[in-house]
Amino acid sequence: MRLPRSRAQIILGLSLLVTVAADFATGPDVNLHVFYLAIACFGSWCLGERTGLAVGVIAVLMLAANRGFGFGEHVSHAQRATLFWNMLARCLTSIIMVATASGLRHSLDEARWSATTDALTGVLNKAAFQRRLGALVRHAQRRGDSLVLAYIDLDGFKGVNDGFGHAAGDRLLCDFSEQASDAIRAHDLFARIGGDEFVTLMTVPNGPQGDIAAERLHHRLSVILRGTGHAVTCSMGAMVVPAQAVVDTTTLVEAADALMYEVKRGGKNALRVARLDLQTTSTGQVVLPLRPDRRKDQSKMADAA
């Protein structure tokens, strides 16, 4: 599934070359059609139906070439008819196998898309975000980066549904998701958690850069929402923490969620950025507390207007 297209082309070309050479070397007495079918299925799976069908055509031509295309001096009408039937059978078999391989690949791609993508907005869904969250955290730990996990809620979205209908609300969510995804880097994560709640994870070199990244993100999201023409704003809570400090990603998400609800209770349409104090267990393992330590909470409130 993850084989690069260029590498698949090389593998298919070499396999086909070896099979054709072996077919010529063994002559008409040895049937190598099963190898052509395998190559055709591989080509259809990795490179598309046309590639698989092209391999099938080569298999048919090789059958005819090994038998002189039925034009030998001592070839009877019955032998020509047999050759024609065998060519037709190979052609039909190749078409069926290529279509089957292509159908399976399309079905698998659709299943993978459904498992990782929010059906309405096209961004990552909650399950896919949780799976990729751990991988991005480990990558940041190897690089020594810090993380910015932002929990986002759209203020006033219910009013759009009530006043303009659910179709308008769906369009707003789709437009917001598309533009918000463009507002972050390709390797960062952006997902719809449910309803009008979203979450994003970004990597930054250090904590101060995390504060700046969170403020910029909130500003960009606020600009996107103003462009929708609806009275919808953005409440966002953002956790900035060294990647090495993250042991439980669920706790990190819960902390950002708690910050977002503090913004909602404080008047909405704002950003709260916090850095959690690190705590050390008796085994020396660094963990994050579930809630920010308010006595040492470094937070900022930024009005989006």
C-alpha atoms as a PDB file:
ATOM      1  CA  MET A   1       0.000   0.000   0.000  1.00  0.00           C
ATOM      2  CA  ARG A   2       2.856   2.406   0.757  1.00  0.00           C
ATOM      3  CA  LEU A   3       5.118   1.336  -2.093  1.00  0.00           C
ATOM      4  CA  PRO A   4       6.251   4.463  -4.002  1.00  0.00           C
ATOM      5  CA  ARG A   5       4.976   4.631  -7.555  1.00  0.00           C
ATOM      6  CA  SER A   6       8.487   4.862  -9.015  1.00  0.00           C
ATOM      7  CA  ARG A   7       9.605   1.751  -7.141  1.00  0.00           C
ATOM      8  CA  ALA A   8       6.483  -0.122  -8.225  1.00  0.00           C
ATOM      9  CA  GLN A   9       7.244   0.757 -11.841  1.00  0.00           C
ATOM     10  CA  ILE A  10      10.789  -0.607 -11.499  1.00  0.00           C
ATOM     11  CA  ILE A  11       9.571  -3.841  -9.896  1.00  0.00           C
ATOM     12  CA  LEU A  12       6.904  -4.335 -12.536  1.00  0.00           C
ATOM     13  CA  GLY A  13       9.313  -3.622 -15.395  1.00  0.00           C
ATOM     14  CA  LEU A  14      11.975  -6.017 -14.130  1.00  0.00           C
ATOM     15  CA  SER A  15       9.429  -8.753 -13.368  1.00  0.00           C
ATOM     16  CA  LEU A  16       7.883  -8.431 -16.798  1.00  0.00           C
ATOM     17  CA  LEU A  17      11.274  -8.476 -18.504  1.00  0.00           C
ATOM     18  CA  VAL A  18      12.325 -11.656 -16.680  1.00  0.00           C
ATOM     19  CA  THR A  19       9.009 -13.360 -17.440  1.00  0.00           C
ATOM     20  CA  VAL A  20       9.132 -12.468 -21.144  1.00  0.00           C
ATOM     21  CA  ALA A  21      12.720 -13.737 -21.389  1.00  0.00           C
ATOM     22  CA  ALA A  22      11.751 -16.971 -19.646  1.00  0.00           C
ATOM     23  CA  ASP A  23       8.724 -17.337 -21.925  1.00  0.00           C
ATOM     24  CA  PHE A  24      10.877 -17.062 -25.034  1.00  0.00           C
ATOM     25  CA  ALA A  25      13.494 -19.404 -23.583  1.00  0.00           C
ATOM     26  CA  THR A  26      11.049 -22.172 -22.655  1.00  0.00           C
ATOM     27  CA  GLY A  27       8.967 -21.927 -25.820  1.00  0.00           C
ATOM     28  CA  PRO A  28       5.328 -22.946 -26.268  1.00  0.00           C
ATOM     29  CA  ASP A  29       5.590 -26.116 -24.199  1.00  0.00           C
ATOM     30  CA  VAL A  30       5.752 -24.266 -20.834  1.00  0.00           C
ATOM     31  CA  ASN A  31       2.805 -22.077 -19.821  1.00  0.00           C
ATOM     32  CA  LEU A  32       3.912 -19.021 -17.828  1.00  0.00           C
ATOM     33  CA  HIS A  33       0.548 -17.287 -17.871  1.00  0.00           C
ATOM     34  CA  VAL A  34       0.232 -17.476 -14.089  1.00  0.00           C
ATOM     35  CA  PHE A  35       3.296 -15.228 -13.764  1.00  0.00           C
ATOM     36  CA  TYR A  36       1.799 -12.715 -16.186  1.00  0.00           C
ATOM     37  CA  LEU A  37      -1.391 -12.722 -14.131  1.00  0.00           C
ATOM     38  CA  ALA A  38       0.558 -12.041 -10.946  1.00  0.00           C
ATOM     39  CA  ILE A  39       2.381  -9.139 -12.589  1.00  0.00           C
ATOM     40  CA  ALA A  40      -0.885  -7.804 -14.036  1.00  0.00           C
ATOM     41  CA  CYS A  41      -2.534  -7.864 -10.592  1.00  0.00           C
ATOM     42  CA  PHE A  42       0.500  -6.157  -9.069  1.00  0.00           C
ATOM     43  CA  GLY A  43       0.382  -3.473 -11.762  1.00  0.00           C
ATOM     44  CA  SER A  44      -3.343  -2.942 -11.307  1.00  0.00           C
ATOM     45  CA  TRP A  45      -2.974  -2.704  -7.520  1.00  0.00           C
ATOM     46  CA  CYS A  46      -0.049  -0.268  -7.503  1.00  0.00           C
ATOM     47  CA  LEU A  47      -0.308   1.601 -10.810  1.00  0.00           C
ATOM     48  CA  GLY A  48      -3.900   1.315 -11.981  1.00  0.00           C
ATOM     49  CA  GLU A  49      -6.141  -0.792 -14.210  1.00  0.00           C
ATOM     50  CA  ARG A  50      -4.535   0.369 -17.460  1.00  0.00           C
ATOM     51  CA  THR A  51      -1.158  -0.956 -16.383  1.00  0.00           C
ATOM     52  CA  GLY A  52      -2.655  -4.304 -15.423  1.00  0.00           C
ATOM     53  CA  LEU A  53      -4.496  -4.574 -18.742  1.00  0.00           C
ATOM     54  CA  ALA A  54      -1.301  -3.690 -20.628  1.00  0.00           C
ATOM     55  CA  VAL A  55       0.459  -6.624 -18.954  1.00  0.00           C
ATOM     56  CA  GLY A  56      -2.471  -8.830 -19.949  1.00  0.00           C
ATOM     57  CA  VAL A  57      -2.070  -7.759 -23.581  1.00  0.00           C
ATOM     58  CA  ILE A  58       1.637  -8.601 -23.433  1.00  0.00           C
ATOM     59  CA  ALA A  59       0.751 -12.075 -22.122  1.00  0.00           C
ATOM     60  CA  VAL A  60      -1.619 -12.643 -25.042  1.00  0.00           C
ATOM     61  CA  LEU A  61       0.959 -11.441 -27.564  1.00  0.00           C
ATOM     62  CA  MET A  62       3.603 -13.718 -26.063  1.00  0.00           C
ATOM     63  CA  LEU A  63       1.289 -16.709 -26.460  1.00  0.00           C
ATOM     64  CA  ALA A  64       0.768 -15.842 -30.119  1.00  0.00           C
ATOM     65  CA  ALA A  65       4.468 -15.098 -30.724  1.00  0.00           C
ATOM     66  CA  ASN A  66       5.530 -18.451 -29.278  1.00  0.00           C
ATOM     67  CA  ARG A  67       3.276 -20.147 -31.803  1.00  0.00           C
ATOM     68  CA  GLY A  68       4.231 -18.015 -34.783  1.00  0.00           C
ATOM     69  CA  PHE A  69       0.922 -16.142 -34.652  1.00  0.00           C
ATOM     70  CA  GLY A  70      -0.659 -19.180 -36.320  1.00  0.00           C
ATOM     71  CA  PHE A  71       0.892 -18.529 -39.721  1.00  0.00           C
ATOM     72  CA  GLY A  72       3.304 -21.502 -39.958  1.00  0.00           C
ATOM     73  CA  GLU A  73       3.324 -23.724 -43.002  1.00  0.00           C
ATOM     74  CA  HIS A  74       2.144 -26.785 -41.110  1.00  0.00           C
ATOM     75  CA  VAL A  75      -0.471 -25.078 -38.924  1.00  0.00           C
ATOM     76  CA  SER A  76      -3.926 -26.493 -39.458  1.00  0.00           C
ATOM     77  CA  HIS A  77      -7.218 -24.634 -39.172  1.00  0.00           C
ATOM     78  CA  ALA A  78      -7.915 -26.510 -35.942  1.00  0.00           C
ATOM     79  CA  GLN A  79      -4.621 -25.342 -34.459  1.00  0.00           C
ATOM     80  CA  ARG A  80      -5.354 -21.761 -35.486  1.00  0.00           C
ATOM     81  CA  ALA A  81      -8.757 -22.009 -33.869  1.00  0.00           C
ATOM     82  CA  THR A  82      -7.164 -23.411 -30.702  1.00  0.00           C
ATOM     83  CA  LEU A  83      -4.639 -20.568 -30.657  1.00  0.00           C
ATOM     84  CA  PHE A  84      -7.402 -18.010 -31.080  1.00  0.00           C
ATOM     85  CA  TRP A  85      -9.403 -19.590 -28.246  1.00  0.00           C
ATOM     86  CA  ASN A  86      -6.377 -19.661 -25.932  1.00  0.00           C
ATOM     87  CA  MET A  87      -5.663 -15.994 -26.690  1.00  0.00           C
ATOM     88  CA  LEU A  88      -9.276 -15.094 -25.956  1.00  0.00           C
ATOM     89  CA  ALA A  89      -9.205 -17.106 -22.720  1.00  0.00           C
ATOM     90  CA  ARG A  90      -6.008 -15.383 -21.586  1.00  0.00           C
ATOM     91  CA  CYS A  91      -7.484 -12.009 -22.418  1.00  0.00           C
ATOM     92  CA  LEU A  92     -10.681 -12.663 -20.463  1.00  0.00           C
ATOM     93  CA  THR A  93      -8.759 -14.122 -17.518  1.00  0.00           C
ATOM     94  CA  SER A  94      -6.483 -11.072 -17.391  1.00  0.00           C
ATOM     95  CA  ILE A  95      -9.442  -8.708 -17.503  1.00  0.00           C
ATOM     96  CA  ILE A  96     -11.200 -10.521 -14.653  1.00  0.00           C
ATOM     97  CA  MET A  97      -8.075 -10.663 -12.467  1.00  0.00           C
ATOM     98  CA  VAL A  98      -7.153  -7.029 -13.131  1.00  0.00           C
ATOM     99  CA  ALA A  99     -10.706  -5.877 -12.410  1.00  0.00           C
ATOM    100  CA  THR A 100     -10.758  -7.906  -9.183  1.00  0.00           C
ATOM    101  CA  ALA A 101      -7.424  -6.502  -7.983  1.00  0.00           C
ATOM    102  CA  SER A 102      -8.461  -2.962  -8.869  1.00  0.00           C
ATOM    103  CA  GLY A 103     -11.824  -3.358  -7.133  1.00  0.00           C
ATOM    104  CA  LEU A 104     -10.206  -4.655  -3.967  1.00  0.00           C
ATOM    105  CA  ARG A 105      -7.758  -1.762  -3.961  1.00  0.00           C
ATOM    106  CA  HIS A 106     -10.538   0.804  -4.405  1.00  0.00           C
ATOM    107  CA  SER A 107     -12.590  -0.826  -1.640  1.00  0.00           C
ATOM    108  CA  LEU A 108      -9.608  -0.812   0.697  1.00  0.00           C
ATOM    109  CA  ASP A 109      -8.824   2.822  -0.117  1.00  0.00           C
ATOM    110  CA  GLU A 110     -12.428   3.797   0.629  1.00  0.00           C
ATOM    111  CA  ALA A 111     -12.375   1.884   3.898  1.00  0.00           C
ATOM    112  CA  ARG A 112      -9.131   3.554   4.939  1.00  0.00           C
ATOM    113  CA  TRP A 113     -10.526   6.959   3.979  1.00  0.00           C
ATOM    114  CA  SER A 114     -13.679   6.357   6.018  1.00  0.00           C
ATOM    115  CA  ALA A 115     -11.638   5.196   9.003  1.00  0.00           C
ATOM    116  CA  THR A 116      -9.400   8.282   9.058  1.00  0.00           C
ATOM    117  CA  THR A 117     -11.471  11.119   7.597  1.00  0.00           C
ATOM    118  CA  ASP A 118     -14.402  13.120   8.891  1.00  0.00           C
ATOM    119  CA  ALA A 119     -17.150  12.497   6.363  1.00  0.00           C
ATOM    120  CA  LEU A 120     -18.472  16.077   6.381  1.00  0.00           C
ATOM    121  CA  THR A 121     -15.343  18.227   6.401  1.00  0.00           C
ATOM    122  CA  GLY A 122     -12.683  15.953   4.923  1.00  0.00           C
ATOM    123  CA  VAL A 123     -10.171  16.568   7.742  1.00  0.00           C
ATOM    124  CA  LEU A 124      -8.934  13.935  10.192  1.00  0.00           C
ATOM    125  CA  ASN A 125     -11.554  12.409  12.458  1.00  0.00           C
ATOM    126  CA  LYS A 126     -11.117  11.853  16.190  1.00  0.00           C
ATOM    127  CA  ALA A 127      -9.895   8.254  15.926  1.00  0.00           C
ATOM    128  CA  ALA A 128      -7.303   9.088  13.262  1.00  0.00           C
ATOM    129  CA  PHE A 129      -6.070  12.078  15.260  1.00  0.00           C
ATOM    130  CA  GLN A 130      -5.577   9.928  18.347  1.00  0.00           C
ATOM    131  CA  ARG A 131      -3.603   7.359  16.335  1.00  0.00           C
ATOM    132  CA  ARG A 132      -1.359   9.947  14.686  1.00  0.00           C
ATOM    133  CA  LEU A 133      -0.948  11.984  17.840  1.00  0.00           C
ATOM    134  CA  GLY A 134       1.374   9.437  19.425  1.00  0.00           C
ATOM    135  CA  ALA A 135       3.528   9.164  16.294  1.00  0.00           C
ATOM    136  CA  LEU A 136       3.981  12.937  16.052  1.00  0.00           C
ATOM    137  CA  VAL A 137       4.795  13.182  19.761  1.00  0.00           C
ATOM    138  CA  ARG A 138       7.498  10.504  19.415  1.00  0.00           C
ATOM    139  CA  HIS A 139       8.938  12.301  16.395  1.00  0.00           C
ATOM    140  CA  ALA A 140       9.060  15.561  18.351  1.00  0.00           C
ATOM    141  CA  GLN A 141      10.716  13.774  21.278  1.00  0.00           C
ATOM    142  CA  ARG A 142      13.503  12.526  19.015  1.00  0.00           C
ATOM    143  CA  ARG A 143      14.058  16.058  17.719  1.00  0.00           C
ATOM    144  CA  GLY A 144      13.822  17.703  21.132  1.00  0.00           C
ATOM    145  CA  ASP A 145      10.923  19.947  20.042  1.00  0.00           C
ATOM    146  CA  SER A 146       8.039  21.344  22.008  1.00  0.00           C
ATOM    147  CA  LEU A 147       4.367  20.752  21.271  1.00  0.00           C
ATOM    148  CA  VAL A 148       1.375  23.045  20.931  1.00  0.00           C
ATOM    149  CA  LEU A 149      -1.926  21.226  21.355  1.00  0.00           C
ATOM    150  CA  ALA A 150      -4.884  23.534  20.754  1.00  0.00           C
ATOM    151  CA  TYR A 151      -8.526  22.691  21.458  1.00  0.00           C
ATOM    152  CA  ILE A 152     -10.930  24.836  19.429  1.00  0.00           C
ATOM    153  CA  ASP A 153     -14.640  25.512  19.811  1.00  0.00           C
ATOM    154  CA  LEU A 154     -16.749  27.691  17.500  1.00  0.00           C
ATOM    155  CA  ASP A 155     -18.789  30.252  19.439  1.00  0.00           C
ATOM    156  CA  GLY A 156     -22.266  30.935  18.066  1.00  0.00           C
ATOM    157  CA  PHE A 157     -22.359  27.988  15.691  1.00  0.00           C
ATOM    158  CA  LYS A 158     -25.703  26.792  17.048  1.00  0.00           C
ATOM    159  CA  GLY A 159     -27.185  30.129  16.004  1.00  0.00           C
ATOM    160  CA  VAL A 160     -26.170  29.445  12.409  1.00  0.00           C
ATOM    161  CA  ASN A 161     -27.998  26.117  12.433  1.00  0.00           C
ATOM    162  CA  ASP A 162     -31.057  27.625  14.109  1.00  0.00           C
ATOM    163  CA  GLY A 163     -31.196  30.769  11.998  1.00  0.00           C
ATOM    164  CA  PHE A 164     -30.011  29.600   8.575  1.00  0.00           C
ATOM    165  CA  GLY A 165     -30.514  25.851   8.621  1.00  0.00           C
ATOM    166  CA  HIS A 166     -28.217  22.874   8.989  1.00  0.00           C
ATOM    167  CA  ALA A 167     -27.080  23.112   5.364  1.00  0.00           C
ATOM    168  CA  ALA A 168     -25.585  26.541   6.105  1.00  0.00           C
ATOM    169  CA  GLY A 169     -23.956  25.154   9.238  1.00  0.00           C
ATOM    170  CA  ASP A 170     -22.443  22.289   7.282  1.00  0.00           C
ATOM    171  CA  ARG A 171     -21.051  24.703   4.671  1.00  0.00           C
ATOM    172  CA  LEU A 172     -19.514  26.801   7.432  1.00  0.00           C
ATOM    173  CA  LEU A 173     -17.846  23.764   8.974  1.00  0.00           C
ATOM    174  CA  CYS A 174     -16.506  22.633   5.597  1.00  0.00           C
ATOM    175  CA  ASP A 175     -15.155  26.067   4.662  1.00  0.00           C
ATOM    176  CA  PHE A 176     -13.626  26.558   8.098  1.00  0.00           C
ATOM    177  CA  SER A 177     -11.986  23.121   8.072  1.00  0.00           C
ATOM    178  CA  GLU A 178     -10.509  23.581   4.613  1.00  0.00           C
ATOM    179  CA  GLN A 179      -9.028  26.978   5.361  1.00  0.00           C
ATOM    180  CA  ALA A 180      -7.886  26.008   8.851  1.00  0.00           C
ATOM    181  CA  SER A 181      -6.006  23.024   7.415  1.00  0.00           C
ATOM    182  CA  ASP A 182      -4.253  25.385   5.021  1.00  0.00           C
ATOM    183  CA  ALA A 183      -3.326  27.665   7.925  1.00  0.00           C
ATOM    184  CA  ILE A 184      -1.035  25.052   9.512  1.00  0.00           C
ATOM    185  CA  ARG A 185       1.952  23.175   8.141  1.00  0.00           C
ATOM    186  CA  ALA A 186       1.470  19.954   6.220  1.00  0.00           C
ATOM    187  CA  HIS A 187       3.101  17.789   8.903  1.00  0.00           C
ATOM    188  CA  ASP A 188       0.999  19.237  11.732  1.00  0.00           C
ATOM    189  CA  LEU A 189      -2.348  17.673  12.649  1.00  0.00           C
ATOM    190  CA  PHE A 190      -5.831  19.166  12.389  1.00  0.00           C
ATOM    191  CA  ALA A 191      -8.961  17.183  13.196  1.00  0.00           C
ATOM    192  CA  ARG A 192     -12.644  17.552  13.865  1.00  0.00           C
ATOM    193  CA  ILE A 193     -13.406  16.011  17.246  1.00  0.00           C
ATOM    194  CA  GLY A 194     -17.149  16.321  16.887  1.00  0.00           C
ATOM    195  CA  GLY A 195     -19.853  18.923  16.327  1.00  0.00           C
ATOM    196  CA  ASP A 196     -18.143  22.319  16.201  1.00  0.00           C
ATOM    197  CA  GLU A 197     -15.041  21.263  18.154  1.00  0.00           C
ATOM    198  CA  PHE A 198     -11.629  20.851  16.550  1.00  0.00           C
ATOM    199  CA  VAL A 199      -8.117  20.096  17.712  1.00  0.00           C
ATOM    200  CA  THR A 200      -4.691  20.734  16.258  1.00  0.00           C
ATOM    201  CA  LEU A 201      -1.183  19.641  17.195  1.00  0.00           C
ATOM    202  CA  MET A 202       1.857  21.637  16.099  1.00  0.00           C
ATOM    203  CA  THR A 203       5.565  21.230  16.765  1.00  0.00           C
ATOM    204  CA  VAL A 204       7.789  24.201  17.638  1.00  0.00           C
ATOM    205  CA  PRO A 205      11.455  24.544  18.657  1.00  0.00           C
ATOM    206  CA  ASN A 206      10.706  25.781  22.198  1.00  0.00           C
ATOM    207  CA  GLY A 207       8.078  27.079  24.587  1.00  0.00           C
ATOM    208  CA  PRO A 208       8.179  30.795  23.662  1.00  0.00           C
ATOM    209  CA  GLN A 209       7.767  29.861  20.011  1.00  0.00           C
ATOM    210  CA  GLY A 210       4.767  27.790  21.078  1.00  0.00           C
ATOM    211  CA  ASP A 211       3.106  30.829  22.620  1.00  0.00           C
ATOM    212  CA  ILE A 212       3.607  32.754  19.385  1.00  0.00           C
ATOM    213  CA  ALA A 213       2.340  29.850  17.256  1.00  0.00           C
ATOM    214  CA  ALA A 214      -0.838  29.557  19.343  1.00  0.00           C
ATOM    215  CA  GLU A 215      -1.552  33.287  19.089  1.00  0.00           C
ATOM    216  CA  ARG A 216      -1.005  33.273  15.333  1.00  0.00           C
ATOM    217  CA  LEU A 217      -3.250  30.261  14.893  1.00  0.00           C
ATOM    218  CA  HIS A 218      -6.058  31.841  16.897  1.00  0.00           C
ATOM    219  CA  HIS A 219      -5.762  35.041  14.871  1.00  0.00           C
ATOM    220  CA  ARG A 220      -5.876  33.135  11.570  1.00  0.00           C
ATOM    221  CA  LEU A 221      -8.880  31.094  12.637  1.00  0.00           C
ATOM    222  CA  SER A 222     -10.681  34.248  13.748  1.00  0.00           C
ATOM    223  CA  VAL A 223     -10.029  35.839  10.349  1.00  0.00           C
ATOM    224  CA  ILE A 224     -11.369  32.714   8.615  1.00  0.00           C
ATOM    225  CA  LEU A 225     -14.559  32.824  10.690  1.00  0.00           C
ATOM    226  CA  ARG A 226     -15.108  36.527  10.013  1.00  0.00           C
ATOM    227  CA  GLY A 227     -14.951  35.700   6.315  1.00  0.00           C
ATOM    228  CA  THR A 228     -17.904  33.311   6.585  1.00  0.00           C
ATOM    229  CA  GLY A 229     -20.353  36.185   7.031  1.00  0.00           C
ATOM    230  CA  HIS A 230     -21.815  34.658  10.192  1.00  0.00           C
ATOM    231  CA  ALA A 231     -21.502  35.837  13.795  1.00  0.00           C
ATOM    232  CA  VAL A 232     -19.221  32.954  14.736  1.00  0.00           C
ATOM    233  CA  THR A 233     -16.025  33.353  16.751  1.00  0.00           C
ATOM    234  CA  CYS A 234     -13.391  31.043  18.168  1.00  0.00           C
ATOM    235  CA  SER A 235     -12.597  29.990  21.732  1.00  0.00           C
ATOM    236  CA  MET A 236      -9.273  28.197  21.972  1.00  0.00           C
ATOM    237  CA  GLY A 237      -7.219  26.636  24.736  1.00  0.00           C
ATOM    238  CA  ALA A 238      -3.610  25.761  23.925  1.00  0.00           C
ATOM    239  CA  MET A 239      -1.101  23.683  25.869  1.00  0.00           C
ATOM    240  CA  VAL A 240       2.595  24.341  25.234  1.00  0.00           C
ATOM    241  CA  VAL A 241       4.814  21.595  26.598  1.00  0.00           C
ATOM    242  CA  PRO A 242       8.190  19.993  25.833  1.00  0.00           C
ATOM    243  CA  ALA A 243       7.642  16.786  23.909  1.00  0.00           C
ATOM    244  CA  GLN A 244       9.916  14.903  26.324  1.00  0.00           C
ATOM    245  CA  ALA A 245       7.429  15.637  29.110  1.00  0.00           C
ATOM    246  CA  VAL A 246       4.515  13.906  27.407  1.00  0.00           C
ATOM    247  CA  VAL A 247       3.798  10.413  28.683  1.00  0.00           C
ATOM    248  CA  ASP A 248       0.008  10.314  28.380  1.00  0.00           C
ATOM    249  CA  THR A 249      -1.353  12.067  25.293  1.00  0.00           C
ATOM    250  CA  THR A 250      -4.917  11.776  26.609  1.00  0.00           C
ATOM    251  CA  THR A 251      -3.970  13.974  29.570  1.00  0.00           C
ATOM    252  CA  LEU A 252      -2.504  16.556  27.209  1.00  0.00           C
ATOM    253  CA  VAL A 253      -5.749  16.735  25.209  1.00  0.00           C
ATOM    254  CA  GLU A 254      -7.826  16.967  28.394  1.00  0.00           C
ATOM    255  CA  ALA A 255      -5.697  19.844  29.661  1.00  0.00           C
ATOM    256  CA  ALA A 256      -6.175  21.798  26.419  1.00  0.00           C
ATOM    257  CA  ASP A 257      -9.898  21.040  26.567  1.00  0.00           C
ATOM    258  CA  ALA A 258     -10.043  22.405  30.121  1.00  0.00           C
ATOM    259  CA  LEU A 259      -8.348  25.615  28.989  1.00  0.00           C
ATOM    260  CA  MET A 260     -10.861  26.027  26.184  1.00  0.00           C
ATOM    261  CA  TYR A 261     -13.776  25.718  28.630  1.00  0.00           C
ATOM    262  CA  GLU A 262     -12.150  28.349  30.833  1.00  0.00           C
ATOM    263  CA  VAL A 263     -12.269  30.666  27.820  1.00  0.00           C
ATOM    264  CA  LYS A 264     -15.937  29.784  27.221  1.00  0.00           C
ATOM    265  CA  ARG A 265     -16.811  30.568  30.828  1.00  0.00           C
ATOM    266  CA  GLY A 266     -14.819  33.821  30.700  1.00  0.00           C
ATOM    267  CA  GLY A 267     -16.689  35.360  27.774  1.00  0.00           C
ATOM    268  CA  LYS A 268     -15.644  33.355  24.687  1.00  0.00           C
ATOM    269  CA  ASN A 269     -13.871  34.667  21.564  1.00  0.00           C
ATOM    270  CA  ALA A 270     -10.424  34.457  23.131  1.00  0.00           C
ATOM    271  CA  LEU A 271      -7.294  32.374  23.546  1.00  0.00           C
ATOM    272  CA  ARG A 272      -5.739  30.924  26.680  1.00  0.00           C
ATOM    273  CA  VAL A 273      -2.205  29.558  26.460  1.00  0.00           C
ATOM    274  CA  ALA A 274      -0.741  27.613  29.373  1.00  0.00           C
ATOM    275  CA  ARG A 275       2.436  25.742  30.187  1.00  0.00           C
ATOM    276  CA  LEU A 276       2.015  22.936  32.657  1.00  0.00           C
ATOM    277  CA  ASP A 277       4.488  22.384  35.474  1.00  0.00           C
ATOM    278  CA  LEU A 278       6.378  19.111  35.201  1.00  0.00           C
ATOM    279  CA  GLN A 279       6.004  16.572  37.966  1.00  0.00           C
ATOM    280  CA  THR A 280       8.352  13.664  38.641  1.00  0.00           C
ATOM    281  CA  THR A 281       7.147  10.295  39.905  1.00  0.00           C
ATOM    282  CA  SER A 282       8.973   8.174  42.438  1.00  0.00           C
ATOM    283  CA  THR A 283      10.532   6.263  39.537  1.00  0.00           C
ATOM    284  CA  GLY A 284      11.916   9.448  38.022  1.00  0.00           C
ATOM    285  CA  GLN A 285       9.462   9.473  35.137  1.00  0.00           C
ATOM    286  CA  VAL A 286       8.269  12.890  34.036  1.00  0.00           C
ATOM    287  CA  VAL A 287       4.480  13.248  33.759  1.00  0.00           C
ATOM    288  CA  LEU A 288       1.942  15.988  33.183  1.00  0.00           C
ATOM    289  CA  PRO A 289      -0.732  16.882  35.731  1.00  0.00           C
ATOM    290  CA  LEU A 290      -4.310  16.736  34.558  1.00  0.00           C
ATOM    291  CA  ARG A 291      -4.978  20.407  35.242  1.00  0.00           C
ATOM    292  CA  PRO A 292      -2.705  23.449  35.022  1.00  0.00           C
ATOM    293  CA  ASP A 293      -1.196  24.630  38.281  1.00  0.00           C
ATOM    294  CA  ARG A 294      -2.953  27.974  38.566  1.00  0.00           C
ATOM    295  CA  ARG A 295      -0.277  29.348  40.857  1.00  0.00           C
ATOM    296  CA  LYS A 296       2.360  28.865  38.161  1.00  0.00           C
ATOM    297  CA  ASP A 297       0.183  29.069  35.079  1.00  0.00           C
ATOM    298  CA  GLN A 298       1.758  31.232  32.363  1.00  0.00           C
ATOM    299  CA  SER A 299      -1.303  32.215  30.338  1.00  0.00           C
ATOM    300  CA  LYS A 300      -2.354  34.862  27.868  1.00  0.00           C
ATOM    301  CA  MET A 301      -5.723  36.098  26.786  1.00  0.00           C
ATOM    302  CA  ALA A 302      -5.914  37.432  23.232  1.00  0.00           C
ATOM    303  CA  ASP A 303      -9.064  39.025  21.902  1.00  0.00           C
ATOM    304  CA  ALA A 304      -9.714  37.900  18.327  1.00  0.00           C
ATOM    305  CA  ALA A 305     -11.502  41.069  17.323  1.00  0.00           C
END
